[in-house]
Amino acid sequence: MASKRFSEYRAIADRVTAGAYRSSFRYHDEQKLLLSVFFHVTCVAGLVSYYLPIAFKQDSPAQAPEKLYREKGLMVYLAVCVLAFLGLMFVQAPARYGCRSFRAGIHFGPGNNYLWFA
């Protein structure tokens, strides 16, 4: 999805028009969108790096996914990812990004405090 947003932003090629098209484009630029793509790829690569060696085990849990819960490393990684996801969803944007990522004067009013409203 991040690469889709990056592609849309580049296709529009005008910050004001992009902001009118999608409100999140008022706060993001090409660099931030591209960095989010790399972040998501890194998270997926981490998951694959834990899962792929499981496939090489004798009587692998990859053959019976209902047994994957026995793989402690994978479960810890998934728990960290889920907790990070939930934490980032409900932490207010200024607390997450600090004042460097947002331009001065942007107000996060009632009902518009969370990431999915940006």
N, C-alpha and C. Protein backbone atom coordinates (compact mmCIF):
# COMPACT_ATOMS: atom_id res chain seq x y z
N MET A 1 0.83 -1.19 0.00
CA MET A 1 0.00 0.00 0.00
C MET A 1 0.87 1.25 0.00
N ALA A 2 2.00 1.19 0.71
CA ALA A 2 2.89 2.35 0.76
C ALA A 2 3.45 2.65 -0.62
N SER A 3 3.78 1.62 -1.38
CA SER A 3 4.29 1.87 -2.73
C SER A 3 3.20 2.41 -3.65
N LYS A 4 1.96 2.04 -3.40
CA LYS A 4 0.83 2.60 -4.16
C LYS A 4 0.71 4.09 -3.88
N ARG A 5 0.81 4.46 -2.60
CA ARG A 5 0.75 5.88 -2.23
C ARG A 5 1.92 6.65 -2.85
N PHE A 6 3.10 6.05 -2.80
CA PHE A 6 4.28 6.68 -3.40
C PHE A 6 4.06 6.91 -4.90
N SER A 7 3.54 5.92 -5.57
CA SER A 7 3.27 6.02 -7.00
C SER A 7 2.22 7.10 -7.31
N GLU A 8 1.16 7.14 -6.50
CA GLU A 8 0.13 8.17 -6.69
C GLU A 8 0.72 9.57 -6.50
N TYR A 9 1.51 9.73 -5.46
CA TYR A 9 2.10 11.04 -5.18
C TYR A 9 2.99 11.50 -6.32
N ARG A 10 3.79 10.59 -6.85
CA ARG A 10 4.68 10.94 -7.98
C ARG A 10 3.90 11.24 -9.25
N ALA A 11 2.80 10.51 -9.46
CA ALA A 11 2.00 10.73 -10.67
C ALA A 11 1.31 12.10 -10.64
N ILE A 12 0.88 12.53 -9.47
CA ILE A 12 0.20 13.82 -9.36
C ILE A 12 1.20 14.96 -9.55
N ALA A 13 2.39 14.83 -8.96
CA ALA A 13 3.51 15.76 -9.16
C ALA A 13 3.25 17.18 -8.71
N ASP A 14 2.25 17.40 -7.89
CA ASP A 14 1.99 18.73 -7.33
C ASP A 14 1.49 18.55 -5.91
N ARG A 15 2.20 19.13 -4.95
CA ARG A 15 1.89 18.92 -3.53
C ARG A 15 0.48 19.39 -3.18
N VAL A 16 0.05 20.53 -3.68
CA VAL A 16 -1.28 21.07 -3.36
C VAL A 16 -2.37 20.17 -3.93
N THR A 17 -2.22 19.78 -5.18
CA THR A 17 -3.21 18.89 -5.81
C THR A 17 -3.23 17.54 -5.12
N ALA A 18 -2.04 17.03 -4.77
CA ALA A 18 -1.96 15.74 -4.08
C ALA A 18 -2.66 15.83 -2.72
N GLY A 19 -2.48 16.94 -2.02
CA GLY A 19 -3.14 17.13 -0.73
C GLY A 19 -4.64 17.21 -0.85
N ALA A 20 -5.13 17.76 -1.95
CA ALA A 20 -6.57 17.81 -2.17
C ALA A 20 -7.11 16.42 -2.53
N TYR A 21 -6.30 15.63 -3.22
CA TYR A 21 -6.71 14.29 -3.62
C TYR A 21 -6.77 13.34 -2.43
N ARG A 22 -5.74 13.39 -1.58
CA ARG A 22 -5.66 12.51 -0.41
C ARG A 22 -5.08 13.33 0.73
N SER A 23 -5.82 13.44 1.82
CA SER A 23 -5.42 14.34 2.90
C SER A 23 -4.06 13.97 3.51
N SER A 24 -3.68 12.70 3.50
CA SER A 24 -2.38 12.32 4.07
C SER A 24 -1.23 12.90 3.26
N PHE A 25 -1.46 13.23 2.01
CA PHE A 25 -0.40 13.82 1.19
C PHE A 25 -0.05 15.24 1.63
N ARG A 26 -0.87 15.86 2.44
CA ARG A 26 -0.53 17.18 2.98
C ARG A 26 0.63 17.09 3.95
N TYR A 27 0.83 15.92 4.56
CA TYR A 27 1.84 15.73 5.59
C TYR A 27 3.05 14.94 5.12
N HIS A 28 2.94 14.25 4.00
CA HIS A 28 4.02 13.40 3.53
C HIS A 28 4.57 13.94 2.22
N ASP A 29 5.82 13.62 1.97
CA ASP A 29 6.44 13.92 0.69
C ASP A 29 7.01 12.62 0.12
N GLU A 30 7.67 12.71 -1.03
CA GLU A 30 8.21 11.50 -1.66
C GLU A 30 9.16 10.76 -0.75
N GLN A 31 10.02 11.49 -0.05
CA GLN A 31 11.01 10.85 0.81
C GLN A 31 10.34 10.05 1.93
N LYS A 32 9.37 10.63 2.59
CA LYS A 32 8.70 9.93 3.69
C LYS A 32 7.95 8.70 3.18
N LEU A 33 7.32 8.82 2.01
CA LEU A 33 6.59 7.68 1.45
C LEU A 33 7.55 6.56 1.06
N LEU A 34 8.67 6.92 0.46
CA LEU A 34 9.65 5.90 0.07
C LEU A 34 10.26 5.23 1.29
N LEU A 35 10.54 6.00 2.33
CA LEU A 35 11.06 5.41 3.56
C LEU A 35 10.06 4.46 4.20
N SER A 36 8.77 4.78 4.10
CA SER A 36 7.77 3.86 4.64
C SER A 36 7.73 2.56 3.86
N VAL A 37 7.97 2.62 2.55
CA VAL A 37 8.05 1.39 1.74
C VAL A 37 9.20 0.52 2.25
N PHE A 38 10.37 1.12 2.48
CA PHE A 38 11.52 0.35 2.97
C PHE A 38 11.25 -0.21 4.36
N PHE A 39 10.57 0.53 5.20
CA PHE A 39 10.24 0.04 6.53
C PHE A 39 9.35 -1.20 6.43
N HIS A 40 8.32 -1.15 5.59
CA HIS A 40 7.42 -2.30 5.46
C HIS A 40 8.14 -3.51 4.87
N VAL A 41 9.00 -3.27 3.89
CA VAL A 41 9.77 -4.38 3.30
C VAL A 41 10.67 -5.02 4.36
N THR A 42 11.27 -4.20 5.22
CA THR A 42 12.13 -4.71 6.28
C THR A 42 11.34 -5.58 7.25
N CYS A 43 10.14 -5.15 7.61
CA CYS A 43 9.30 -5.94 8.52
C CYS A 43 8.94 -7.29 7.91
N VAL A 44 8.58 -7.28 6.64
CA VAL A 44 8.22 -8.53 5.96
C VAL A 44 9.46 -9.42 5.83
N ALA A 45 10.60 -8.83 5.52
CA ALA A 45 11.83 -9.62 5.40
C ALA A 45 12.18 -10.28 6.73
N GLY A 46 11.95 -9.59 7.83
CA GLY A 46 12.19 -10.19 9.15
C GLY A 46 11.31 -11.40 9.38
N LEU A 47 10.05 -11.28 9.01
CA LEU A 47 9.12 -12.39 9.17
C LEU A 47 9.54 -13.58 8.30
N VAL A 48 9.92 -13.32 7.08
CA VAL A 48 10.36 -14.39 6.18
C VAL A 48 11.64 -15.03 6.71
N SER A 49 12.54 -14.21 7.27
CA SER A 49 13.80 -14.78 7.78
C SER A 49 13.58 -15.69 8.98
N TYR A 50 12.50 -15.50 9.72
CA TYR A 50 12.16 -16.44 10.80
C TYR A 50 11.40 -17.65 10.27
N TYR A 51 10.57 -17.44 9.26
CA TYR A 51 9.69 -18.52 8.78
C TYR A 51 10.42 -19.49 7.84
N LEU A 52 11.27 -18.98 6.97
CA LEU A 52 11.91 -19.84 5.97
C LEU A 52 12.73 -20.98 6.57
N PRO A 53 13.55 -20.76 7.60
CA PRO A 53 14.29 -21.89 8.18
C PRO A 53 13.38 -22.98 8.77
N ILE A 54 12.18 -22.61 9.15
CA ILE A 54 11.24 -23.59 9.68
C ILE A 54 10.89 -24.62 8.61
N ALA A 55 10.84 -24.18 7.36
CA ALA A 55 10.50 -25.08 6.25
C ALA A 55 11.55 -26.16 6.04
N PHE A 56 12.78 -25.92 6.50
CA PHE A 56 13.85 -26.89 6.30
C PHE A 56 13.93 -27.93 7.42
N LYS A 57 13.16 -27.77 8.45
CA LYS A 57 13.19 -28.72 9.57
C LYS A 57 12.52 -30.04 9.18
N GLN A 58 13.00 -31.10 9.81
CA GLN A 58 12.36 -32.41 9.64
C GLN A 58 10.96 -32.34 10.25
N ASP A 59 9.95 -32.87 9.59
CA ASP A 59 8.55 -32.78 10.03
C ASP A 59 8.20 -31.34 10.38
N SER A 60 8.44 -30.48 9.46
CA SER A 60 8.33 -29.04 9.63
C SER A 60 6.93 -28.57 10.00
N PRO A 61 6.83 -27.62 10.92
CA PRO A 61 5.54 -27.00 11.21
C PRO A 61 4.99 -26.23 10.00
N ALA A 62 5.84 -25.92 9.03
CA ALA A 62 5.37 -25.25 7.82
C ALA A 62 4.42 -26.17 7.04
N GLN A 63 4.56 -27.49 7.24
CA GLN A 63 3.65 -28.45 6.59
C GLN A 63 2.30 -28.47 7.28
N ALA A 64 2.28 -28.10 8.53
CA ALA A 64 1.03 -28.09 9.31
C ALA A 64 0.99 -26.76 10.07
N PRO A 65 0.50 -25.70 9.45
CA PRO A 65 0.54 -24.37 10.06
C PRO A 65 -0.09 -24.28 11.44
N GLU A 66 -0.98 -25.21 11.78
CA GLU A 66 -1.57 -25.16 13.12
C GLU A 66 -0.53 -25.46 14.20
N LYS A 67 0.66 -25.95 13.81
CA LYS A 67 1.74 -26.23 14.77
C LYS A 67 2.74 -25.08 14.87
N LEU A 68 2.54 -24.03 14.13
CA LEU A 68 3.49 -22.91 14.14
C LEU A 68 3.59 -22.24 15.51
N TYR A 69 2.56 -22.32 16.32
CA TYR A 69 2.60 -21.68 17.63
C TYR A 69 3.72 -22.25 18.50
N ARG A 70 4.25 -23.41 18.14
CA ARG A 70 5.33 -24.03 18.91
C ARG A 70 6.70 -23.41 18.60
N GLU A 71 6.76 -22.63 17.55
CA GLU A 71 8.01 -21.97 17.17
C GLU A 71 8.15 -20.67 17.96
N LYS A 72 8.92 -20.73 19.04
CA LYS A 72 8.99 -19.59 19.96
C LYS A 72 9.55 -18.33 19.31
N GLY A 73 10.61 -18.46 18.52
CA GLY A 73 11.20 -17.29 17.86
C GLY A 73 10.21 -16.58 16.95
N LEU A 74 9.48 -17.36 16.20
CA LEU A 74 8.47 -16.80 15.29
C LEU A 74 7.35 -16.14 16.08
N MET A 75 6.92 -16.76 17.15
CA MET A 75 5.83 -16.20 17.96
C MET A 75 6.27 -14.90 18.64
N VAL A 76 7.52 -14.86 19.11
CA VAL A 76 8.03 -13.63 19.72
C VAL A 76 8.08 -12.52 18.68
N TYR A 77 8.58 -12.83 17.48
CA TYR A 77 8.65 -11.83 16.41
C TYR A 77 7.25 -11.32 16.05
N LEU A 78 6.31 -12.23 15.92
CA LEU A 78 4.93 -11.81 15.60
C LEU A 78 4.33 -10.97 16.72
N ALA A 79 4.59 -11.34 17.97
CA ALA A 79 4.07 -10.56 19.09
C ALA A 79 4.64 -9.15 19.09
N VAL A 80 5.94 -9.04 18.84
CA VAL A 80 6.56 -7.71 18.76
C VAL A 80 5.95 -6.90 17.63
N CYS A 81 5.74 -7.52 16.47
CA CYS A 81 5.13 -6.81 15.33
C CYS A 81 3.71 -6.36 15.65
N VAL A 82 2.92 -7.23 16.25
CA VAL A 82 1.53 -6.89 16.58
C VAL A 82 1.49 -5.77 17.61
N LEU A 83 2.33 -5.87 18.65
CA LEU A 83 2.37 -4.82 19.66
C LEU A 83 2.83 -3.49 19.09
N ALA A 84 3.83 -3.54 18.21
CA ALA A 84 4.29 -2.30 17.57
C ALA A 84 3.19 -1.71 16.70
N PHE A 85 2.51 -2.56 15.95
CA PHE A 85 1.41 -2.10 15.10
C PHE A 85 0.31 -1.43 15.92
N LEU A 86 -0.12 -2.10 16.99
CA LEU A 86 -1.17 -1.54 17.83
C LEU A 86 -0.71 -0.27 18.53
N GLY A 87 0.52 -0.28 18.99
CA GLY A 87 1.04 0.91 19.64
C GLY A 87 1.11 2.10 18.71
N LEU A 88 1.58 1.87 17.49
CA LEU A 88 1.68 2.96 16.52
C LEU A 88 0.32 3.43 16.03
N MET A 89 -0.68 2.55 16.08
CA MET A 89 -2.02 2.95 15.67
C MET A 89 -2.66 3.91 16.66
N PHE A 90 -2.38 3.74 17.93
CA PHE A 90 -3.09 4.50 18.94
C PHE A 90 -2.27 5.59 19.64
N VAL A 91 -1.02 5.74 19.25
CA VAL A 91 -0.22 6.83 19.79
C VAL A 91 -0.45 8.05 18.91
N GLN A 92 -0.64 9.20 19.53
CA GLN A 92 -0.89 10.41 18.75
C GLN A 92 0.32 10.73 17.89
N ALA A 93 0.07 11.23 16.70
CA ALA A 93 1.13 11.48 15.72
C ALA A 93 2.23 12.40 16.23
N PRO A 94 1.96 13.52 16.89
CA PRO A 94 3.07 14.36 17.36
C PRO A 94 3.99 13.64 18.34
N ALA A 95 3.45 12.78 19.17
CA ALA A 95 4.28 12.02 20.12
C ALA A 95 5.16 11.03 19.38
N ARG A 96 4.70 10.50 18.25
CA ARG A 96 5.45 9.52 17.49
C ARG A 96 6.53 10.17 16.65
N TYR A 97 6.18 11.21 15.95
CA TYR A 97 7.10 11.79 14.98
C TYR A 97 7.90 12.97 15.52
N GLY A 98 7.43 13.59 16.57
CA GLY A 98 8.10 14.80 17.06
C GLY A 98 7.79 15.96 16.13
N CYS A 99 8.34 17.10 16.41
CA CYS A 99 8.00 18.28 15.62
C CYS A 99 8.80 18.38 14.34
N ARG A 100 9.81 17.53 14.12
CA ARG A 100 10.61 17.62 12.90
C ARG A 100 9.85 17.14 11.68
N SER A 101 8.98 16.15 11.83
CA SER A 101 8.33 15.54 10.68
C SER A 101 7.12 16.32 10.19
N PHE A 102 6.56 17.16 11.05
CA PHE A 102 5.38 17.92 10.66
C PHE A 102 5.73 19.40 10.61
N ARG A 103 5.15 20.08 9.69
CA ARG A 103 5.37 21.51 9.59
C ARG A 103 4.68 22.23 10.75
N ALA A 104 5.25 23.32 11.16
CA ALA A 104 4.66 24.10 12.26
C ALA A 104 3.29 24.62 11.84
N GLY A 105 2.38 24.67 12.77
CA GLY A 105 1.05 25.22 12.49
C GLY A 105 0.00 24.17 12.22
N ILE A 106 0.38 22.93 12.06
CA ILE A 106 -0.61 21.88 11.84
C ILE A 106 -1.21 21.52 13.19
N HIS A 107 -2.51 21.59 13.27
CA HIS A 107 -3.20 21.34 14.52
C HIS A 107 -3.87 19.97 14.47
N PHE A 108 -3.67 19.19 15.50
CA PHE A 108 -4.34 17.92 15.63
C PHE A 108 -5.47 18.10 16.62
N GLY A 109 -6.64 18.37 16.11
CA GLY A 109 -7.78 18.66 16.97
C GLY A 109 -8.51 17.40 17.38
N PRO A 110 -9.58 17.56 18.13
CA PRO A 110 -10.37 16.41 18.58
C PRO A 110 -10.85 15.57 17.39
N GLY A 111 -10.74 14.27 17.54
CA GLY A 111 -11.19 13.37 16.48
C GLY A 111 -10.21 13.25 15.34
N ASN A 112 -9.08 13.94 15.40
CA ASN A 112 -8.11 13.89 14.32
C ASN A 112 -6.71 13.68 14.89
N ASN A 113 -6.61 12.88 15.92
CA ASN A 113 -5.34 12.71 16.62
C ASN A 113 -4.53 11.51 16.16
N TYR A 114 -5.10 10.60 15.44
CA TYR A 114 -4.44 9.33 15.19
C TYR A 114 -3.99 9.20 13.75
N LEU A 115 -3.09 8.28 13.54
CA LEU A 115 -2.43 8.10 12.25
C LEU A 115 -3.42 7.93 11.10
N TRP A 116 -4.46 7.13 11.27
CA TRP A 116 -5.33 6.84 10.14
C TRP A 116 -6.17 8.02 9.71
N PHE A 117 -6.20 9.09 10.46
CA PHE A 117 -6.92 10.29 10.02
C PHE A 117 -6.01 11.26 9.28
N ALA A 118 -4.70 11.01 9.29
CA ALA A 118 -3.74 11.95 8.67
C ALA A 118 -3.85 11.88 7.17
